[in-house]
Amino acid sequence: MVVSFALFSDQNKNKATKSASTTGIKRPHQPDVISSTIDNVTAAQEVTRLEALCEARTQSLNLVKKQLRQRSQGFEAMAVLLKYLTEEVCSI
């Protein structure tokens, strides 16, 4: 049964490739729209826009890193306090 399924799937593949190649339909390639429509001024404006966007994202990322560092220190302080308090309670 597995062999017949493999043969059946091979036949379908052959039909699909034959029908696409024998129909003679040629699909035109799309022209490179980006390189043909963007001139130097537009490209320079795009680079300037992307640089500003990168700077804004970098500032946001640095702020998030700073907040993460502060909150991590706070979490560690709470962990040390909790450990100290549990040792005090267990020793009583």
C-alpha atoms as a PDB file:
ATOM      1  CA  MET A   1       0.000   0.000   0.000  1.00  0.00           C
ATOM      2  CA  VAL A   2       2.882   2.378   0.745  1.00  0.00           C
ATOM      3  CA  VAL A   3       4.432   1.632  -2.638  1.00  0.00           C
ATOM      4  CA  SER A   4       1.220   2.415  -4.491  1.00  0.00           C
ATOM      5  CA  PHE A   5       0.900   5.690  -2.591  1.00  0.00           C
ATOM      6  CA  ALA A   6       4.473   6.620  -3.511  1.00  0.00           C
ATOM      7  CA  LEU A   7       3.772   5.850  -7.159  1.00  0.00           C
ATOM      8  CA  PHE A   8       0.556   7.859  -7.048  1.00  0.00           C
ATOM      9  CA  SER A   9       2.311  10.881  -5.539  1.00  0.00           C
ATOM     10  CA  ASP A  10       5.077  10.635  -8.159  1.00  0.00           C
ATOM     11  CA  GLN A  11       2.483  10.626 -10.919  1.00  0.00           C
ATOM     12  CA  ASN A  12       0.885  13.769  -9.498  1.00  0.00           C
ATOM     13  CA  LYS A  13       4.252  15.492  -9.372  1.00  0.00           C
ATOM     14  CA  ASN A  14       4.958  14.587 -12.979  1.00  0.00           C
ATOM     15  CA  LYS A  15       1.569  15.899 -14.087  1.00  0.00           C
ATOM     16  CA  ALA A  16       2.073  19.144 -12.227  1.00  0.00           C
ATOM     17  CA  THR A  17       5.501  19.776 -13.707  1.00  0.00           C
ATOM     18  CA  LYS A  18       4.419  18.785 -17.216  1.00  0.00           C
ATOM     19  CA  SER A  19       1.326  20.962 -17.161  1.00  0.00           C
ATOM     20  CA  ALA A  20       3.281  24.013 -16.025  1.00  0.00           C
ATOM     21  CA  SER A  21       6.062  23.521 -18.539  1.00  0.00           C
ATOM     22  CA  THR A  22       3.912  22.477 -21.518  1.00  0.00           C
ATOM     23  CA  THR A  23       1.374  25.262 -21.262  1.00  0.00           C
ATOM     24  CA  GLY A  24       3.913  27.735 -22.566  1.00  0.00           C
ATOM     25  CA  ILE A  25       2.838  30.470 -20.160  1.00  0.00           C
ATOM     26  CA  LYS A  26       5.789  32.638 -19.369  1.00  0.00           C
ATOM     27  CA  ARG A  27       5.504  34.741 -16.308  1.00  0.00           C
ATOM     28  CA  PRO A  28       7.179  38.103 -16.718  1.00  0.00           C
ATOM     29  CA  HIS A  29       9.665  39.054 -14.070  1.00  0.00           C
ATOM     30  CA  GLN A  30       8.745  42.118 -12.114  1.00  0.00           C
ATOM     31  CA  PRO A  31      11.132  44.999 -12.625  1.00  0.00           C
ATOM     32  CA  ASP A  32      13.212  46.134  -9.701  1.00  0.00           C
ATOM     33  CA  VAL A  33      10.878  48.918  -8.691  1.00  0.00           C
ATOM     34  CA  ILE A  34      12.905  50.118  -5.729  1.00  0.00           C
ATOM     35  CA  SER A  35      16.147  50.750  -7.565  1.00  0.00           C
ATOM     36  CA  SER A  36      14.444  52.388 -10.524  1.00  0.00           C
ATOM     37  CA  THR A  37      12.232  54.796  -8.579  1.00  0.00           C
ATOM     38  CA  ILE A  38      14.415  55.979  -5.716  1.00  0.00           C
ATOM     39  CA  ASP A  39      16.761  58.745  -6.692  1.00  0.00           C
ATOM     40  CA  ASN A  40      19.667  60.061  -4.660  1.00  0.00           C
ATOM     41  CA  VAL A  41      17.654  62.694  -2.801  1.00  0.00           C
ATOM     42  CA  THR A  42      14.998  60.245  -1.729  1.00  0.00           C
ATOM     43  CA  ALA A  43      17.655  57.742  -0.681  1.00  0.00           C
ATOM     44  CA  ALA A  44      19.430  60.388   1.394  1.00  0.00           C
ATOM     45  CA  GLN A  45      16.153  61.336   3.079  1.00  0.00           C
ATOM     46  CA  GLU A  46      15.457  57.694   3.826  1.00  0.00           C
ATOM     47  CA  VAL A  47      18.924  57.231   5.339  1.00  0.00           C
ATOM     48  CA  THR A  48      18.433  60.329   7.505  1.00  0.00           C
ATOM     49  CA  ARG A  49      15.024  59.070   8.652  1.00  0.00           C
ATOM     50  CA  LEU A  50      16.417  55.645   9.500  1.00  0.00           C
ATOM     51  CA  GLU A  51      19.357  57.144  11.401  1.00  0.00           C
ATOM     52  CA  ALA A  52      16.971  59.209  13.524  1.00  0.00           C
ATOM     53  CA  LEU A  53      14.831  56.135  14.114  1.00  0.00           C
ATOM     54  CA  CYS A  54      17.890  54.119  15.174  1.00  0.00           C
ATOM     55  CA  GLU A  55      18.966  56.844  17.592  1.00  0.00           C
ATOM     56  CA  ALA A  56      15.494  56.983  19.140  1.00  0.00           C
ATOM     57  CA  ARG A  57      15.397  53.207  19.512  1.00  0.00           C
ATOM     58  CA  THR A  58      18.889  53.204  21.028  1.00  0.00           C
ATOM     59  CA  GLN A  59      17.827  55.761  23.618  1.00  0.00           C
ATOM     60  CA  SER A  60      14.744  53.701  24.460  1.00  0.00           C
ATOM     61  CA  LEU A  61      16.843  50.555  24.740  1.00  0.00           C
ATOM     62  CA  ASN A  62      19.343  52.254  27.043  1.00  0.00           C
ATOM     63  CA  LEU A  63      16.487  53.445  29.273  1.00  0.00           C
ATOM     64  CA  VAL A  64      15.065  49.926  29.461  1.00  0.00           C
ATOM     65  CA  LYS A  65      18.515  48.525  30.303  1.00  0.00           C
ATOM     66  CA  LYS A  66      18.886  51.051  33.116  1.00  0.00           C
ATOM     67  CA  GLN A  67      15.454  50.180  34.507  1.00  0.00           C
ATOM     68  CA  LEU A  68      16.237  46.476  34.276  1.00  0.00           C
ATOM     69  CA  ARG A  69      19.485  46.964  36.170  1.00  0.00           C
ATOM     70  CA  GLN A  70      17.714  48.909  38.935  1.00  0.00           C
ATOM     71  CA  ARG A  71      14.895  46.404  39.266  1.00  0.00           C
ATOM     72  CA  SER A  72      17.312  43.510  39.264  1.00  0.00           C
ATOM     73  CA  GLN A  73      19.178  45.092  42.168  1.00  0.00           C
ATOM     74  CA  GLY A  74      15.883  45.618  44.010  1.00  0.00           C
ATOM     75  CA  PHE A  75      14.917  41.987  43.442  1.00  0.00           C
ATOM     76  CA  GLU A  76      18.277  40.824  44.734  1.00  0.00           C
ATOM     77  CA  ALA A  77      17.915  43.009  47.832  1.00  0.00           C
ATOM     78  CA  MET A  78      14.497  41.484  48.528  1.00  0.00           C
ATOM     79  CA  ALA A  79      15.924  37.979  48.088  1.00  0.00           C
ATOM     80  CA  VAL A  80      18.701  38.695  50.595  1.00  0.00           C
ATOM     81  CA  LEU A  81      16.193  40.166  53.052  1.00  0.00           C
ATOM     82  CA  LEU A  82      13.875  37.168  52.684  1.00  0.00           C
ATOM     83  CA  LYS A  83      16.771  34.766  53.210  1.00  0.00           C
ATOM     84  CA  TYR A  84      17.855  36.641  56.333  1.00  0.00           C
ATOM     85  CA  LEU A  85      14.332  36.681  57.767  1.00  0.00           C
ATOM     86  CA  THR A  86      13.763  32.964  57.096  1.00  0.00           C
ATOM     87  CA  GLU A  87      17.049  32.113  58.801  1.00  0.00           C
ATOM     88  CA  GLU A  88      16.038  34.246  61.795  1.00  0.00           C
ATOM     89  CA  VAL A  89      12.655  32.526  62.056  1.00  0.00           C
ATOM     90  CA  CYS A  90      14.143  29.049  61.699  1.00  0.00           C
ATOM     91  CA  SER A  91      16.761  29.712  64.359  1.00  0.00           C
ATOM     92  CA  ILE A  92      14.180  30.720  67.000  1.00  0.00           C
END
